[in-house]
Amino acid sequence: GHRERFEQQGLDLAECDFKTVLVDPPRAGLDADTVKLVGKFDTIVYISCNPDTLHNNVRDLSETHTCTQFALFDQFPYSHHVECGVILKKREGAPCSNGGS
């Protein structure tokens, strides 16, 4: 069926105050611009199929966020593939999503 964009439905995203973002990137992880973008949110829920790129992205995000929860899911038994889930929360004193502090 036909889907309308938020703007077509009359929702002005600029008026919303989103505080949480969910990311589930490809095996390559998040690129630098996306890390910068998600770093503006108070809470990041990060799902990853690649622990190496997850580590790199969390290291970069640790400047503004701290890891509060981590889970490892063995969805593919008898293989080396795993899924990881991480919840990152903005550190005290880190810039807010609206540009304040």
C-alpha atoms as a PDB file:
ATOM      1  CA  GLY A   1       0.000   0.000   0.000  1.00  0.00           C
ATOM      2  CA  HIS A   2       0.832   3.668  -0.183  1.00  0.00           C
ATOM      3  CA  ARG A   3       2.713   5.148   2.775  1.00  0.00           C
ATOM      4  CA  GLU A   4       2.782   8.812   3.622  1.00  0.00           C
ATOM      5  CA  ARG A   5       5.773  10.557   5.104  1.00  0.00           C
ATOM      6  CA  PHE A   6       5.358  12.199   8.502  1.00  0.00           C
ATOM      7  CA  GLU A   7       5.229  15.617   6.881  1.00  0.00           C
ATOM      8  CA  GLN A   8       2.417  14.478   4.584  1.00  0.00           C
ATOM      9  CA  GLN A   9       0.435  13.419   7.639  1.00  0.00           C
ATOM     10  CA  GLY A  10       0.819  16.873   9.169  1.00  0.00           C
ATOM     11  CA  LEU A  11       3.473  15.924  11.755  1.00  0.00           C
ATOM     12  CA  ASP A  12       6.215  18.505  12.112  1.00  0.00           C
ATOM     13  CA  LEU A  13       9.258  16.571  13.321  1.00  0.00           C
ATOM     14  CA  ALA A  14      10.933  19.823  14.386  1.00  0.00           C
ATOM     15  CA  GLU A  15       8.258  20.186  17.080  1.00  0.00           C
ATOM     16  CA  CYS A  16       8.933  16.708  18.499  1.00  0.00           C
ATOM     17  CA  ASP A  17      11.292  16.148  21.400  1.00  0.00           C
ATOM     18  CA  PHE A  18      12.758  12.726  20.656  1.00  0.00           C
ATOM     19  CA  LYS A  19      15.051  11.450  23.404  1.00  0.00           C
ATOM     20  CA  THR A  20      15.662   7.840  22.308  1.00  0.00           C
ATOM     21  CA  VAL A  21      16.998   6.401  19.068  1.00  0.00           C
ATOM     22  CA  LEU A  22      17.179   2.765  17.947  1.00  0.00           C
ATOM     23  CA  VAL A  23      19.988   1.766  15.587  1.00  0.00           C
ATOM     24  CA  ASP A  24      20.579  -1.622  13.959  1.00  0.00           C
ATOM     25  CA  PRO A  25      23.376  -0.978  11.463  1.00  0.00           C
ATOM     26  CA  PRO A  26      24.853  -3.384   8.910  1.00  0.00           C
ATOM     27  CA  ARG A  27      27.992  -5.350   9.796  1.00  0.00           C
ATOM     28  CA  ALA A  28      30.115  -2.309   8.896  1.00  0.00           C
ATOM     29  CA  GLY A  29      28.648  -0.400  11.854  1.00  0.00           C
ATOM     30  CA  LEU A  30      27.669   3.249  11.968  1.00  0.00           C
ATOM     31  CA  ASP A  31      29.602   5.767   9.899  1.00  0.00           C
ATOM     32  CA  ALA A  32      31.090   8.845  11.582  1.00  0.00           C
ATOM     33  CA  ASP A  33      28.204  11.150  10.588  1.00  0.00           C
ATOM     34  CA  THR A  34      25.627   8.748  12.010  1.00  0.00           C
ATOM     35  CA  VAL A  35      27.611   8.346  15.249  1.00  0.00           C
ATOM     36  CA  LYS A  36      27.560  12.128  15.569  1.00  0.00           C
ATOM     37  CA  LEU A  37      23.808  12.234  14.877  1.00  0.00           C
ATOM     38  CA  VAL A  38      22.797   9.497  17.350  1.00  0.00           C
ATOM     39  CA  GLY A  39      25.124  11.042  19.948  1.00  0.00           C
ATOM     40  CA  LYS A  40      22.629  13.905  20.242  1.00  0.00           C
ATOM     41  CA  PHE A  41      19.989  11.614  21.775  1.00  0.00           C
ATOM     42  CA  ASP A  42      19.678  10.985  25.520  1.00  0.00           C
ATOM     43  CA  THR A  43      19.284   7.224  25.075  1.00  0.00           C
ATOM     44  CA  ILE A  44      20.677   4.995  22.329  1.00  0.00           C
ATOM     45  CA  VAL A  45      19.436   1.447  21.852  1.00  0.00           C
ATOM     46  CA  TYR A  46      22.063  -0.224  19.658  1.00  0.00           C
ATOM     47  CA  ILE A  47      21.584  -3.680  18.128  1.00  0.00           C
ATOM     48  CA  SER A  48      24.619  -5.162  16.398  1.00  0.00           C
ATOM     49  CA  CYS A  49      25.577  -8.328  14.540  1.00  0.00           C
ATOM     50  CA  ASN A  50      29.267  -7.422  14.610  1.00  0.00           C
ATOM     51  CA  PRO A  51      30.961  -7.079  18.027  1.00  0.00           C
ATOM     52  CA  ASP A  52      34.039  -5.454  16.439  1.00  0.00           C
ATOM     53  CA  THR A  53      32.191  -2.528  14.857  1.00  0.00           C
ATOM     54  CA  LEU A  54      29.952  -2.281  17.922  1.00  0.00           C
ATOM     55  CA  HIS A  55      33.089  -1.841  20.030  1.00  0.00           C
ATOM     56  CA  ASN A  56      34.384   0.896  17.731  1.00  0.00           C
ATOM     57  CA  ASN A  57      31.071   2.775  17.721  1.00  0.00           C
ATOM     58  CA  VAL A  58      30.588   2.476  21.500  1.00  0.00           C
ATOM     59  CA  ARG A  59      34.157   3.731  22.016  1.00  0.00           C
ATOM     60  CA  ASP A  60      33.305   6.823  19.939  1.00  0.00           C
ATOM     61  CA  LEU A  61      29.962   7.322  21.685  1.00  0.00           C
ATOM     62  CA  SER A  62      31.573   6.980  25.130  1.00  0.00           C
ATOM     63  CA  GLU A  63      32.626  10.621  24.894  1.00  0.00           C
ATOM     64  CA  THR A  64      28.991  11.590  25.514  1.00  0.00           C
ATOM     65  CA  HIS A  65      27.321   8.356  26.685  1.00  0.00           C
ATOM     66  CA  THR A  66      27.858   5.497  29.085  1.00  0.00           C
ATOM     67  CA  CYS A  67      26.857   1.878  28.553  1.00  0.00           C
ATOM     68  CA  THR A  68      24.178   0.985  31.106  1.00  0.00           C
ATOM     69  CA  GLN A  69      23.140  -2.427  29.794  1.00  0.00           C
ATOM     70  CA  PHE A  70      24.606  -5.056  27.503  1.00  0.00           C
ATOM     71  CA  ALA A  71      23.206  -8.372  26.272  1.00  0.00           C
ATOM     72  CA  LEU A  72      24.601 -11.061  24.004  1.00  0.00           C
ATOM     73  CA  PHE A  73      22.235 -13.255  21.996  1.00  0.00           C
ATOM     74  CA  ASP A  74      23.342 -16.540  20.450  1.00  0.00           C
ATOM     75  CA  GLN A  75      20.706 -16.695  17.730  1.00  0.00           C
ATOM     76  CA  PHE A  76      22.833 -18.852  15.467  1.00  0.00           C
ATOM     77  CA  PRO A  77      23.981 -21.893  17.483  1.00  0.00           C
ATOM     78  CA  TYR A  78      27.088 -23.711  16.299  1.00  0.00           C
ATOM     79  CA  SER A  79      28.333 -20.635  14.449  1.00  0.00           C
ATOM     80  CA  HIS A  80      30.504 -17.692  15.430  1.00  0.00           C
ATOM     81  CA  HIS A  81      27.696 -15.187  14.737  1.00  0.00           C
ATOM     82  CA  VAL A  82      26.098 -13.368  17.670  1.00  0.00           C
ATOM     83  CA  GLU A  83      23.742 -10.437  18.153  1.00  0.00           C
ATOM     84  CA  CYS A  84      24.501  -7.793  20.766  1.00  0.00           C
ATOM     85  CA  GLY A  85      22.200  -5.292  22.397  1.00  0.00           C
ATOM     86  CA  VAL A  86      23.493  -2.196  24.185  1.00  0.00           C
ATOM     87  CA  ILE A  87      21.729   0.656  25.929  1.00  0.00           C
ATOM     88  CA  LEU A  88      23.737   3.863  26.172  1.00  0.00           C
ATOM     89  CA  LYS A  89      22.662   6.821  28.325  1.00  0.00           C
ATOM     90  CA  LYS A  90      23.891  10.403  27.970  1.00  0.00           C
ATOM     91  CA  ARG A  91      26.522  11.346  30.566  1.00  0.00           C
ATOM     92  CA  GLU A  92      25.794  14.123  33.046  1.00  0.00           C
ATOM     93  CA  GLY A  93      27.053  17.409  31.643  1.00  0.00           C
ATOM     94  CA  ALA A  94      27.086  16.151  28.057  1.00  0.00           C
ATOM     95  CA  PRO A  95      25.337  18.432  25.546  1.00  0.00           C
ATOM     96  CA  CYS A  96      21.581  17.881  25.335  1.00  0.00           C
ATOM     97  CA  SER A  97      19.824  16.939  22.121  1.00  0.00           C
ATOM     98  CA  ASN A  98      18.440  20.466  21.880  1.00  0.00           C
ATOM     99  CA  GLY A  99      21.925  21.981  21.981  1.00  0.00           C
ATOM    100  CA  GLY A 100      21.844  23.010  25.658  1.00  0.00           C
ATOM    101  CA  SER A 101      23.954  21.569  28.438  1.00  0.00           C
END
